[in-house]
N, C-alpha and C. Protein backbone atom coordinates (compact mmCIF):
# COMPACT_ATOMS: atom_id res chain seq x y z
N MET A 1 46.43 -123.92 -28.02
CA MET A 1 46.30 -122.71 -28.82
C MET A 1 44.89 -122.65 -29.38
N SER A 2 44.24 -121.54 -29.24
CA SER A 2 42.87 -121.41 -29.75
C SER A 2 42.82 -120.42 -30.89
N THR A 3 41.83 -120.62 -31.74
CA THR A 3 41.62 -119.71 -32.86
C THR A 3 40.65 -118.63 -32.42
N PRO A 4 41.02 -117.35 -32.57
CA PRO A 4 40.11 -116.28 -32.16
C PRO A 4 38.77 -116.39 -32.87
N GLY A 5 37.69 -116.25 -32.12
CA GLY A 5 36.36 -116.28 -32.71
C GLY A 5 35.83 -117.67 -33.00
N PHE A 6 36.59 -118.72 -32.65
CA PHE A 6 36.14 -120.08 -32.92
C PHE A 6 35.77 -120.76 -31.61
N ASN A 7 34.59 -121.33 -31.56
CA ASN A 7 34.13 -122.07 -30.40
C ASN A 7 33.80 -123.47 -30.87
N ILE A 8 34.52 -124.47 -30.37
CA ILE A 8 34.33 -125.85 -30.81
C ILE A 8 32.89 -126.31 -30.64
N PHE A 9 32.21 -125.82 -29.62
CA PHE A 9 30.83 -126.24 -29.38
C PHE A 9 29.87 -125.70 -30.43
N ASP A 10 30.19 -124.56 -31.03
CA ASP A 10 29.36 -124.02 -32.11
C ASP A 10 29.39 -124.94 -33.32
N SER A 11 30.48 -125.66 -33.53
CA SER A 11 30.61 -126.53 -34.69
C SER A 11 29.84 -127.84 -34.54
N LEU A 12 29.35 -128.14 -33.36
CA LEU A 12 28.65 -129.39 -33.12
C LEU A 12 27.17 -129.34 -33.44
N THR A 13 26.65 -128.20 -33.80
CA THR A 13 25.22 -128.06 -34.06
C THR A 13 24.79 -128.66 -35.37
N GLY A 14 25.71 -128.85 -36.31
CA GLY A 14 25.37 -129.35 -37.63
C GLY A 14 24.93 -128.26 -38.58
N ALA A 15 24.83 -127.04 -38.09
CA ALA A 15 24.44 -125.90 -38.93
C ALA A 15 25.65 -125.42 -39.72
N PRO A 16 25.43 -124.79 -40.87
CA PRO A 16 26.55 -124.23 -41.63
C PRO A 16 27.35 -123.27 -40.77
N GLN A 17 28.66 -123.31 -40.94
CA GLN A 17 29.55 -122.47 -40.16
C GLN A 17 29.65 -121.07 -40.76
N GLN A 18 29.83 -120.09 -39.92
CA GLN A 18 30.07 -118.73 -40.38
C GLN A 18 31.51 -118.64 -40.86
N ALA A 19 31.75 -117.83 -41.85
CA ALA A 19 33.08 -117.69 -42.42
C ALA A 19 34.01 -116.95 -41.47
N ALA A 20 35.21 -117.48 -41.33
CA ALA A 20 36.25 -116.78 -40.61
C ALA A 20 36.94 -115.86 -41.62
N GLU A 21 37.64 -114.86 -41.13
CA GLU A 21 38.31 -113.93 -42.04
C GLU A 21 39.31 -114.63 -42.94
N SER A 22 39.90 -115.73 -42.48
CA SER A 22 40.96 -116.38 -43.23
C SER A 22 40.53 -117.73 -43.82
N THR A 23 39.26 -117.94 -44.07
CA THR A 23 38.80 -119.21 -44.63
C THR A 23 39.32 -119.36 -46.05
N VAL A 24 40.00 -120.47 -46.30
CA VAL A 24 40.57 -120.73 -47.62
C VAL A 24 39.93 -121.98 -48.22
N CYS A 25 40.05 -122.11 -49.50
CA CYS A 25 39.50 -123.22 -50.26
C CYS A 25 40.10 -124.55 -49.77
N SER A 26 39.26 -125.58 -49.74
CA SER A 26 39.69 -126.91 -49.29
C SER A 26 40.38 -127.72 -50.39
N ARG A 27 40.35 -127.27 -51.62
CA ARG A 27 41.00 -127.99 -52.73
C ARG A 27 42.50 -128.01 -52.48
N LYS A 28 43.09 -129.18 -52.63
CA LYS A 28 44.52 -129.35 -52.38
C LYS A 28 45.35 -128.33 -53.15
N GLY A 29 46.21 -127.63 -52.44
CA GLY A 29 47.11 -126.66 -53.04
C GLY A 29 46.53 -125.28 -53.27
N CYS A 30 45.23 -125.11 -53.09
CA CYS A 30 44.60 -123.81 -53.32
C CYS A 30 44.62 -122.99 -52.05
N ARG A 31 45.00 -121.73 -52.16
CA ARG A 31 45.04 -120.83 -51.00
C ARG A 31 44.12 -119.63 -51.23
N GLU A 32 43.22 -119.75 -52.19
CA GLU A 32 42.28 -118.66 -52.48
C GLU A 32 41.23 -118.55 -51.38
N ALA A 33 40.67 -117.37 -51.24
CA ALA A 33 39.61 -117.14 -50.26
C ALA A 33 38.37 -117.96 -50.65
N ALA A 34 37.79 -118.61 -49.68
CA ALA A 34 36.59 -119.42 -49.92
C ALA A 34 35.35 -118.53 -49.92
N GLU A 35 34.43 -118.86 -50.81
CA GLU A 35 33.15 -118.16 -50.90
C GLU A 35 31.98 -119.11 -50.69
N TRP A 36 32.24 -120.41 -50.76
CA TRP A 36 31.20 -121.43 -50.70
C TRP A 36 31.50 -122.44 -49.61
N GLN A 37 30.45 -123.10 -49.17
CA GLN A 37 30.56 -124.17 -48.19
C GLN A 37 29.81 -125.38 -48.75
N LEU A 38 30.50 -126.48 -48.89
CA LEU A 38 29.88 -127.71 -49.38
C LEU A 38 29.60 -128.60 -48.18
N LEU A 39 28.32 -128.87 -47.95
CA LEU A 39 27.91 -129.68 -46.81
C LEU A 39 27.73 -131.12 -47.26
N TRP A 40 28.29 -132.04 -46.50
CA TRP A 40 28.28 -133.44 -46.88
C TRP A 40 28.29 -134.33 -45.65
N ASN A 41 28.03 -135.60 -45.86
CA ASN A 41 28.25 -136.60 -44.83
C ASN A 41 28.48 -137.95 -45.49
N ASN A 42 29.09 -138.83 -44.75
CA ASN A 42 29.31 -140.19 -45.22
C ASN A 42 28.27 -141.06 -44.51
N PRO A 43 27.25 -141.53 -45.24
CA PRO A 43 26.17 -142.27 -44.60
C PRO A 43 26.61 -143.57 -43.93
N ARG A 44 27.78 -144.07 -44.28
CA ARG A 44 28.27 -145.30 -43.64
C ARG A 44 28.76 -145.04 -42.22
N ILE A 45 29.15 -143.78 -41.92
CA ILE A 45 29.68 -143.51 -40.58
C ILE A 45 29.01 -142.34 -39.86
N HIS A 46 28.22 -141.53 -40.56
CA HIS A 46 27.56 -140.38 -39.94
C HIS A 46 26.06 -140.59 -39.87
N THR A 47 25.43 -140.01 -38.86
CA THR A 47 23.97 -140.02 -38.79
C THR A 47 23.44 -139.13 -39.92
N PRO A 48 22.20 -139.35 -40.37
CA PRO A 48 21.67 -138.58 -41.51
C PRO A 48 21.69 -137.07 -41.33
N GLU A 49 21.50 -136.58 -40.12
CA GLU A 49 21.48 -135.13 -39.90
C GLU A 49 22.87 -134.51 -39.76
N ARG A 50 23.89 -135.31 -39.60
CA ARG A 50 25.26 -134.80 -39.43
C ARG A 50 25.74 -134.19 -40.73
N ARG A 51 26.41 -133.04 -40.65
CA ARG A 51 26.98 -132.39 -41.83
C ARG A 51 28.43 -132.03 -41.57
N LYS A 52 29.28 -132.42 -42.49
CA LYS A 52 30.67 -131.99 -42.51
C LYS A 52 30.70 -130.86 -43.54
N ALA A 53 31.74 -130.04 -43.51
CA ALA A 53 31.78 -128.90 -44.43
C ALA A 53 33.17 -128.73 -45.03
N TRP A 54 33.19 -128.49 -46.33
CA TRP A 54 34.39 -128.08 -47.03
C TRP A 54 34.17 -126.66 -47.52
N ALA A 55 35.22 -125.88 -47.53
CA ALA A 55 35.17 -124.52 -48.07
C ALA A 55 35.68 -124.56 -49.51
N ALA A 56 35.13 -123.68 -50.35
CA ALA A 56 35.54 -123.67 -51.76
C ALA A 56 35.57 -122.25 -52.31
N CYS A 57 36.58 -121.99 -53.13
CA CYS A 57 36.62 -120.73 -53.88
C CYS A 57 35.75 -120.92 -55.11
N SER A 58 35.48 -119.84 -55.82
CA SER A 58 34.63 -119.93 -57.02
C SER A 58 35.22 -120.83 -58.09
N ALA A 59 36.54 -120.90 -58.17
CA ALA A 59 37.19 -121.71 -59.19
C ALA A 59 37.06 -123.21 -58.91
N HIS A 60 36.88 -123.61 -57.65
CA HIS A 60 36.87 -125.03 -57.32
C HIS A 60 35.54 -125.56 -56.78
N VAL A 61 34.54 -124.71 -56.63
CA VAL A 61 33.27 -125.18 -56.06
C VAL A 61 32.65 -126.29 -56.90
N ASP A 62 32.68 -126.18 -58.21
CA ASP A 62 32.09 -127.21 -59.07
C ASP A 62 32.88 -128.52 -58.98
N TRP A 63 34.22 -128.43 -58.95
CA TRP A 63 35.05 -129.63 -58.86
C TRP A 63 34.80 -130.37 -57.55
N LEU A 64 34.79 -129.64 -56.43
CA LEU A 64 34.57 -130.27 -55.13
C LEU A 64 33.15 -130.84 -55.02
N GLN A 65 32.18 -130.13 -55.55
CA GLN A 65 30.80 -130.62 -55.51
C GLN A 65 30.68 -131.91 -56.32
N ASP A 66 31.27 -131.94 -57.51
CA ASP A 66 31.24 -133.15 -58.33
C ASP A 66 31.93 -134.31 -57.62
N TYR A 67 33.06 -134.05 -56.98
CA TYR A 67 33.80 -135.07 -56.23
C TYR A 67 32.89 -135.72 -55.18
N LEU A 68 32.17 -134.89 -54.44
CA LEU A 68 31.29 -135.40 -53.39
C LEU A 68 30.06 -136.10 -53.98
N GLN A 69 29.50 -135.56 -55.05
CA GLN A 69 28.30 -136.15 -55.67
C GLN A 69 28.59 -137.54 -56.23
N VAL A 70 29.71 -137.70 -56.91
CA VAL A 70 30.08 -138.99 -57.50
C VAL A 70 30.16 -140.07 -56.42
N ARG A 71 30.56 -139.70 -55.22
CA ARG A 71 30.72 -140.64 -54.11
C ARG A 71 29.47 -140.76 -53.24
N GLY A 72 28.41 -140.02 -53.59
CA GLY A 72 27.17 -140.08 -52.83
C GLY A 72 27.24 -139.41 -51.47
N LEU A 73 28.14 -138.43 -51.33
CA LEU A 73 28.35 -137.77 -50.04
C LEU A 73 27.76 -136.37 -49.96
N TRP A 74 27.58 -135.70 -51.10
CA TRP A 74 27.15 -134.30 -51.15
C TRP A 74 25.72 -134.15 -50.67
N LYS A 75 25.46 -133.09 -49.89
CA LYS A 75 24.10 -132.78 -49.42
C LYS A 75 23.63 -131.42 -49.91
N GLU A 76 24.49 -130.40 -49.81
CA GLU A 76 24.06 -129.04 -50.15
C GLU A 76 25.29 -128.14 -50.32
N THR A 77 25.16 -127.13 -51.18
CA THR A 77 26.18 -126.10 -51.32
C THR A 77 25.54 -124.78 -50.94
N VAL A 78 26.19 -124.07 -50.02
CA VAL A 78 25.68 -122.78 -49.54
C VAL A 78 26.82 -121.77 -49.56
N THR A 79 26.45 -120.49 -49.57
CA THR A 79 27.48 -119.46 -49.45
C THR A 79 28.04 -119.51 -48.04
N LEU A 80 29.23 -118.99 -47.85
CA LEU A 80 29.81 -118.97 -46.51
C LEU A 80 28.97 -118.15 -45.55
N ALA A 81 28.16 -117.23 -46.07
CA ALA A 81 27.27 -116.45 -45.22
C ALA A 81 26.09 -117.30 -44.76
N GLY A 82 25.91 -118.49 -45.34
CA GLY A 82 24.88 -119.41 -44.88
C GLY A 82 23.65 -119.54 -45.75
N GLY A 83 23.58 -118.79 -46.86
CA GLY A 83 22.42 -118.89 -47.75
C GLY A 83 22.59 -120.00 -48.75
N ALA A 84 21.51 -120.61 -49.18
CA ALA A 84 21.57 -121.69 -50.16
C ALA A 84 21.96 -121.14 -51.53
N SER A 85 22.62 -121.97 -52.32
CA SER A 85 23.03 -121.55 -53.67
C SER A 85 21.90 -121.68 -54.65
């Protein structure tokens, strides 16, 4: 089963992902529409240029960013449209 408009190879570039119409917040239990993308990596297992992404609604962007920062994983927070915050 494939997701319309999603190409797995596009996600391998390390660039911020474009928002899908149904992108929801990554915070456990939250189903709100995401407005932010938190880019991170785990330096113990990822190369320095590799970026993983979590989506966040306005209510949880600070909580998720703090979670990643405390663990030394956070790299950048950008809007889902791809601009820096």
